[in-house]
Amino acid sequence: MLQLFRKYSSVLRFIFMFLGSYFVFSMFYNAYLIFFKSEVYFPDFLTHIVGVQSEALISSFGYNATVIPHQTEPSMKLFVNENYLARIVEGCNSVSIIILFTAFILSFFGKLKATLLYILAGSVIIYAMNIIRIAILAIGLYEYPQYSSFLHSIVFPLIIYGTVFILWVLWVQLFSKSVKK
């Protein structure tokens, strides 16, 4: 039995590191959502900021974008040219995706400085791509409402998960090269 554990120690280390770090970061994020509610930044600070930044990006493309707090649920209502198009909910703020990304990177931990810098840079890239995807979705819904299901079900997830996948592959390739050296 001990030989079996030794044989698969790298796989077990990956699984335990991934699940453990994902669990810890998710607990911290849930605590943030529970204990740091704000009347000024509704529904929570991060979701509010994502809404405001998405509004600014959409406006930079020449559309009249507005986000306002939803009256009956914890979300921001997104309007483009005075048309209510979407809700920006807590799940749209990219934190859950960043937690998943971070857990994966920690599972393939390299040198401390490189790992932390990659997590920081990757998190910024994921956050920025999230703002871009919200803007693309909003403009797409405004210009092509007949494709709303395709945009939200296919294009929207493809942008963010595609970005995370590419970052993961780059990390593993970079890390694998440093291990071989």
C-alpha atoms as a PDB file:
ATOM      1  CA  MET A   1       0.000   0.000   0.000  1.00  0.00           C
ATOM      2  CA  LEU A   2       2.864   2.363   0.828  1.00  0.00           C
ATOM      3  CA  GLN A   3       4.399   1.677  -2.580  1.00  0.00           C
ATOM      4  CA  LEU A   4       1.112   2.659  -4.179  1.00  0.00           C
ATOM      5  CA  PHE A   5       1.139   5.987  -2.337  1.00  0.00           C
ATOM      6  CA  ARG A   6       4.749   6.604  -3.364  1.00  0.00           C
ATOM      7  CA  LYS A   7       3.972   5.715  -6.955  1.00  0.00           C
ATOM      8  CA  TYR A   8       1.125   8.223  -7.128  1.00  0.00           C
ATOM      9  CA  SER A   9       2.506  10.791  -4.684  1.00  0.00           C
ATOM     10  CA  SER A  10       2.684  13.567  -7.300  1.00  0.00           C
ATOM     11  CA  VAL A  11      -0.933  12.957  -8.314  1.00  0.00           C
ATOM     12  CA  LEU A  12      -2.077  12.864  -4.697  1.00  0.00           C
ATOM     13  CA  ARG A  13      -0.082  16.017  -3.916  1.00  0.00           C
ATOM     14  CA  PHE A  14      -1.772  17.769  -6.850  1.00  0.00           C
ATOM     15  CA  ILE A  15      -5.261  16.675  -5.740  1.00  0.00           C
ATOM     16  CA  PHE A  16      -4.774  17.598  -2.083  1.00  0.00           C
ATOM     17  CA  MET A  17      -3.109  20.917  -2.894  1.00  0.00           C
ATOM     18  CA  PHE A  18      -5.787  21.807  -5.433  1.00  0.00           C
ATOM     19  CA  LEU A  19      -8.741  20.845  -3.231  1.00  0.00           C
ATOM     20  CA  GLY A  20      -7.182  22.299  -0.088  1.00  0.00           C
ATOM     21  CA  SER A  21      -6.296  25.682  -1.575  1.00  0.00           C
ATOM     22  CA  TYR A  22      -9.625  25.869  -3.433  1.00  0.00           C
ATOM     23  CA  PHE A  23     -11.476  25.147  -0.183  1.00  0.00           C
ATOM     24  CA  VAL A  24      -9.479  27.702   1.851  1.00  0.00           C
ATOM     25  CA  PHE A  25      -9.816  30.502  -0.717  1.00  0.00           C
ATOM     26  CA  SER A  26     -13.521  29.755  -1.187  1.00  0.00           C
ATOM     27  CA  MET A  27     -14.050  29.946   2.577  1.00  0.00           C
ATOM     28  CA  PHE A  28     -12.333  33.350   2.696  1.00  0.00           C
ATOM     29  CA  TYR A  29     -14.408  34.577  -0.233  1.00  0.00           C
ATOM     30  CA  ASN A  30     -17.646  33.365   1.370  1.00  0.00           C
ATOM     31  CA  ALA A  31     -16.657  35.115   4.601  1.00  0.00           C
ATOM     32  CA  TYR A  32     -16.043  38.298   2.592  1.00  0.00           C
ATOM     33  CA  LEU A  33     -19.524  38.011   1.052  1.00  0.00           C
ATOM     34  CA  ILE A  34     -21.139  37.462   4.448  1.00  0.00           C
ATOM     35  CA  PHE A  35     -19.269  39.980   6.597  1.00  0.00           C
ATOM     36  CA  PHE A  36     -18.381  42.829   4.261  1.00  0.00           C
ATOM     37  CA  LYS A  37     -21.754  43.985   2.981  1.00  0.00           C
ATOM     38  CA  SER A  38     -21.956  47.638   2.040  1.00  0.00           C
ATOM     39  CA  GLU A  39     -24.770  50.069   1.451  1.00  0.00           C
ATOM     40  CA  VAL A  40     -22.533  52.143  -0.820  1.00  0.00           C
ATOM     41  CA  TYR A  41     -21.196  49.300  -2.985  1.00  0.00           C
ATOM     42  CA  PHE A  42     -24.203  47.102  -3.752  1.00  0.00           C
ATOM     43  CA  PRO A  43     -24.403  44.081  -3.901  1.00  0.00           C
ATOM     44  CA  ASP A  44     -20.772  43.789  -2.783  1.00  0.00           C
ATOM     45  CA  PHE A  45     -17.671  45.870  -3.482  1.00  0.00           C
ATOM     46  CA  LEU A  46     -16.154  43.629  -6.162  1.00  0.00           C
ATOM     47  CA  THR A  47     -19.383  43.063  -8.104  1.00  0.00           C
ATOM     48  CA  HIS A  48     -20.127  46.782  -7.932  1.00  0.00           C
ATOM     49  CA  ILE A  49     -16.689  47.689  -9.292  1.00  0.00           C
ATOM     50  CA  VAL A  50     -17.032  45.124 -12.101  1.00  0.00           C
ATOM     51  CA  GLY A  51     -20.358  46.735 -13.014  1.00  0.00           C
ATOM     52  CA  VAL A  52     -18.904  50.250 -13.023  1.00  0.00           C
ATOM     53  CA  GLN A  53     -15.868  49.192 -15.067  1.00  0.00           C
ATOM     54  CA  SER A  54     -18.055  47.290 -17.545  1.00  0.00           C
ATOM     55  CA  GLU A  55     -20.206  50.392 -17.911  1.00  0.00           C
ATOM     56  CA  ALA A  56     -17.106  52.479 -18.661  1.00  0.00           C
ATOM     57  CA  LEU A  57     -15.805  49.995 -21.240  1.00  0.00           C
ATOM     58  CA  ILE A  58     -19.158  49.750 -23.033  1.00  0.00           C
ATOM     59  CA  SER A  59     -19.408  53.550 -23.035  1.00  0.00           C
ATOM     60  CA  SER A  60     -15.938  53.792 -24.563  1.00  0.00           C
ATOM     61  CA  PHE A  61     -17.335  52.004 -27.629  1.00  0.00           C
ATOM     62  CA  GLY A  62     -19.873  54.794 -28.131  1.00  0.00           C
ATOM     63  CA  TYR A  63     -22.861  53.223 -26.392  1.00  0.00           C
ATOM     64  CA  ASN A  64     -24.766  54.863 -23.560  1.00  0.00           C
ATOM     65  CA  ALA A  65     -24.206  52.319 -20.788  1.00  0.00           C
ATOM     66  CA  THR A  66     -25.591  52.503 -17.266  1.00  0.00           C
ATOM     67  CA  VAL A  67     -25.472  50.170 -14.271  1.00  0.00           C
ATOM     68  CA  ILE A  68     -27.761  50.622 -11.284  1.00  0.00           C
ATOM     69  CA  PRO A  69     -28.450  48.484  -8.238  1.00  0.00           C
ATOM     70  CA  HIS A  70     -31.300  46.038  -8.724  1.00  0.00           C
ATOM     71  CA  GLN A  71     -34.244  46.859  -6.477  1.00  0.00           C
ATOM     72  CA  THR A  72     -35.258  43.311  -5.531  1.00  0.00           C
ATOM     73  CA  GLU A  73     -32.134  41.145  -5.772  1.00  0.00           C
ATOM     74  CA  PRO A  74     -28.387  41.390  -5.091  1.00  0.00           C
ATOM     75  CA  SER A  75     -27.220  42.417  -8.543  1.00  0.00           C
ATOM     76  CA  MET A  76     -26.562  45.380 -10.796  1.00  0.00           C
ATOM     77  CA  LYS A  77     -28.865  46.088 -13.734  1.00  0.00           C
ATOM     78  CA  LEU A  78     -26.980  46.782 -16.970  1.00  0.00           C
ATOM     79  CA  PHE A  79     -28.545  49.096 -19.547  1.00  0.00           C
ATOM     80  CA  VAL A  80     -27.224  49.881 -23.012  1.00  0.00           C
ATOM     81  CA  ASN A  81     -28.861  52.847 -24.751  1.00  0.00           C
ATOM     82  CA  GLU A  82     -31.602  52.700 -22.103  1.00  0.00           C
ATOM     83  CA  ASN A  83     -32.399  49.028 -22.849  1.00  0.00           C
ATOM     84  CA  TYR A  84     -32.195  46.706 -19.843  1.00  0.00           C
ATOM     85  CA  LEU A  85     -30.018  43.854 -21.103  1.00  0.00           C
ATOM     86  CA  ALA A  86     -28.486  41.931 -18.230  1.00  0.00           C
ATOM     87  CA  ARG A  87     -27.859  41.547 -14.545  1.00  0.00           C
ATOM     88  CA  ILE A  88     -24.364  41.575 -13.128  1.00  0.00           C
ATOM     89  CA  VAL A  89     -24.525  39.179 -10.190  1.00  0.00           C
ATOM     90  CA  GLU A  90     -21.863  38.138  -7.689  1.00  0.00           C
ATOM     91  CA  GLY A  91     -20.852  35.242  -9.957  1.00  0.00           C
ATOM     92  CA  CYS A  92     -19.962  37.744 -12.709  1.00  0.00           C
ATOM     93  CA  ASN A  93     -17.130  39.379 -10.752  1.00  0.00           C
ATOM     94  CA  SER A  94     -14.560  36.697 -11.717  1.00  0.00           C
ATOM     95  CA  VAL A  95     -13.480  35.938  -8.139  1.00  0.00           C
ATOM     96  CA  SER A  96     -14.627  32.306  -8.290  1.00  0.00           C
ATOM     97  CA  ILE A  97     -12.680  31.821 -11.531  1.00  0.00           C
ATOM     98  CA  ILE A  98      -9.592  33.475 -10.024  1.00  0.00           C
ATOM     99  CA  ILE A  99      -9.847  31.131  -7.026  1.00  0.00           C
ATOM    100  CA  LEU A 100     -10.011  28.135  -9.374  1.00  0.00           C
ATOM    101  CA  PHE A 101      -7.032  29.465 -11.360  1.00  0.00           C
ATOM    102  CA  THR A 102      -5.001  30.085  -8.196  1.00  0.00           C
ATOM    103  CA  ALA A 103      -5.735  26.617  -6.796  1.00  0.00           C
ATOM    104  CA  PHE A 104      -4.492  25.048 -10.016  1.00  0.00           C
ATOM    105  CA  ILE A 105      -1.310  27.143 -10.112  1.00  0.00           C
ATOM    106  CA  LEU A 106      -0.570  26.316  -6.463  1.00  0.00           C
ATOM    107  CA  SER A 107      -1.001  22.635  -7.318  1.00  0.00           C
ATOM    108  CA  PHE A 108       1.909  22.998  -9.743  1.00  0.00           C
ATOM    109  CA  PHE A 109       3.869  25.205  -7.368  1.00  0.00           C
ATOM    110  CA  GLY A 110       7.197  26.377  -8.741  1.00  0.00           C
ATOM    111  CA  LYS A 111       9.615  28.856  -7.273  1.00  0.00           C
ATOM    112  CA  LEU A 112       7.862  31.100  -4.753  1.00  0.00           C
ATOM    113  CA  LYS A 113       8.477  34.405  -6.534  1.00  0.00           C
ATOM    114  CA  ALA A 114       7.546  33.058  -9.971  1.00  0.00           C
ATOM    115  CA  THR A 115       4.419  31.365  -8.629  1.00  0.00           C
ATOM    116  CA  LEU A 116       3.173  34.447  -6.786  1.00  0.00           C
ATOM    117  CA  LEU A 117       3.918  36.748  -9.735  1.00  0.00           C
ATOM    118  CA  TYR A 118       2.144  34.396 -12.128  1.00  0.00           C
ATOM    119  CA  ILE A 119      -0.890  34.192  -9.838  1.00  0.00           C
ATOM    120  CA  LEU A 120      -0.991  37.999  -9.629  1.00  0.00           C
ATOM    121  CA  ALA A 121      -0.528  38.525 -13.381  1.00  0.00           C
ATOM    122  CA  GLY A 122      -2.990  35.762 -14.241  1.00  0.00           C
ATOM    123  CA  SER A 123      -5.582  37.167 -11.844  1.00  0.00           C
ATOM    124  CA  VAL A 124      -5.281  40.617 -13.433  1.00  0.00           C
ATOM    125  CA  ILE A 125      -5.620  39.088 -16.917  1.00  0.00           C
ATOM    126  CA  ILE A 126      -8.673  37.051 -15.875  1.00  0.00           C
ATOM    127  CA  TYR A 127     -10.257  40.098 -14.234  1.00  0.00           C
ATOM    128  CA  ALA A 128      -9.655  42.241 -17.349  1.00  0.00           C
ATOM    129  CA  MET A 129     -10.993  39.517 -19.666  1.00  0.00           C
ATOM    130  CA  ASN A 130     -14.068  39.301 -17.461  1.00  0.00           C
ATOM    131  CA  ILE A 131     -14.772  43.023 -17.941  1.00  0.00           C
ATOM    132  CA  ILE A 132     -14.214  42.591 -21.693  1.00  0.00           C
ATOM    133  CA  ARG A 133     -16.566  39.601 -21.856  1.00  0.00           C
ATOM    134  CA  ILE A 134     -19.319  41.503 -20.041  1.00  0.00           C
ATOM    135  CA  ALA A 135     -18.912  44.361 -22.521  1.00  0.00           C
ATOM    136  CA  ILE A 136     -18.957  41.964 -25.495  1.00  0.00           C
ATOM    137  CA  LEU A 137     -22.053  40.235 -24.135  1.00  0.00           C
ATOM    138  CA  ALA A 138     -23.869  43.518 -23.495  1.00  0.00           C
ATOM    139  CA  ILE A 139     -23.067  44.964 -26.914  1.00  0.00           C
ATOM    140  CA  GLY A 140     -23.869  41.615 -28.538  1.00  0.00           C
ATOM    141  CA  LEU A 141     -27.223  41.431 -26.747  1.00  0.00           C
ATOM    142  CA  TYR A 142     -28.006  44.974 -27.803  1.00  0.00           C
ATOM    143  CA  GLU A 143     -26.995  44.538 -31.450  1.00  0.00           C
ATOM    144  CA  TYR A 144     -28.051  40.896 -31.910  1.00  0.00           C
ATOM    145  CA  PRO A 145     -30.794  40.043 -29.393  1.00  0.00           C
ATOM    146  CA  GLN A 146     -31.801  36.993 -31.449  1.00  0.00           C
ATOM    147  CA  TYR A 147     -28.470  35.368 -30.480  1.00  0.00           C
ATOM    148  CA  SER A 148     -28.793  35.969 -26.737  1.00  0.00           C
ATOM    149  CA  SER A 149     -28.785  32.271 -25.828  1.00  0.00           C
ATOM    150  CA  PHE A 150     -25.685  31.578 -27.961  1.00  0.00           C
ATOM    151  CA  LEU A 151     -23.875  34.639 -26.613  1.00  0.00           C
ATOM    152  CA  HIS A 152     -24.581  33.823 -22.967  1.00  0.00           C
ATOM    153  CA  SER A 153     -24.206  30.041 -23.170  1.00  0.00           C
ATOM    154  CA  ILE A 154     -21.276  29.686 -25.593  1.00  0.00           C
ATOM    155  CA  VAL A 155     -19.359  32.931 -26.206  1.00  0.00           C
ATOM    156  CA  PHE A 156     -19.536  34.263 -22.640  1.00  0.00           C
ATOM    157  CA  PRO A 157     -18.049  31.140 -20.939  1.00  0.00           C
ATOM    158  CA  LEU A 158     -15.640  30.482 -23.823  1.00  0.00           C
ATOM    159  CA  ILE A 159     -13.920  33.837 -23.322  1.00  0.00           C
ATOM    160  CA  ILE A 160     -13.278  33.452 -19.594  1.00  0.00           C
ATOM    161  CA  TYR A 161     -12.624  29.697 -19.452  1.00  0.00           C
ATOM    162  CA  GLY A 162     -10.531  29.878 -22.603  1.00  0.00           C
ATOM    163  CA  THR A 163      -8.373  32.538 -20.967  1.00  0.00           C
ATOM    164  CA  VAL A 164      -7.957  30.426 -17.817  1.00  0.00           C
ATOM    165  CA  PHE A 165      -7.115  27.330 -19.843  1.00  0.00           C
ATOM    166  CA  ILE A 166      -4.456  29.172 -21.852  1.00  0.00           C
ATOM    167  CA  LEU A 167      -2.940  30.559 -18.634  1.00  0.00           C
ATOM    168  CA  TRP A 168      -2.896  27.061 -17.108  1.00  0.00           C
ATOM    169  CA  VAL A 169      -1.211  25.555 -20.161  1.00  0.00           C
ATOM    170  CA  LEU A 170       1.398  28.325 -20.192  1.00  0.00           C
ATOM    171  CA  TRP A 171       2.106  27.769 -16.508  1.00  0.00           C
ATOM    172  CA  VAL A 172       2.508  24.016 -16.859  1.00  0.00           C
ATOM    173  CA  GLN A 173       4.765  24.450 -19.911  1.00  0.00           C
ATOM    174  CA  LEU A 174       6.894  27.064 -18.154  1.00  0.00           C
ATOM    175  CA  PHE A 175       7.034  25.048 -14.953  1.00  0.00           C
ATOM    176  CA  SER A 176       7.837  21.805 -16.789  1.00  0.00           C
ATOM    177  CA  LYS A 177      10.706  23.517 -18.601  1.00  0.00           C
ATOM    178  CA  SER A 178      12.165  24.776 -15.336  1.00  0.00           C
ATOM    179  CA  VAL A 179      11.904  21.285 -13.814  1.00  0.00           C
ATOM    180  CA  LYS A 180      13.749  19.723 -16.773  1.00  0.00           C
ATOM    181  CA  LYS A 181      16.589  22.243 -16.406  1.00  0.00           C
END
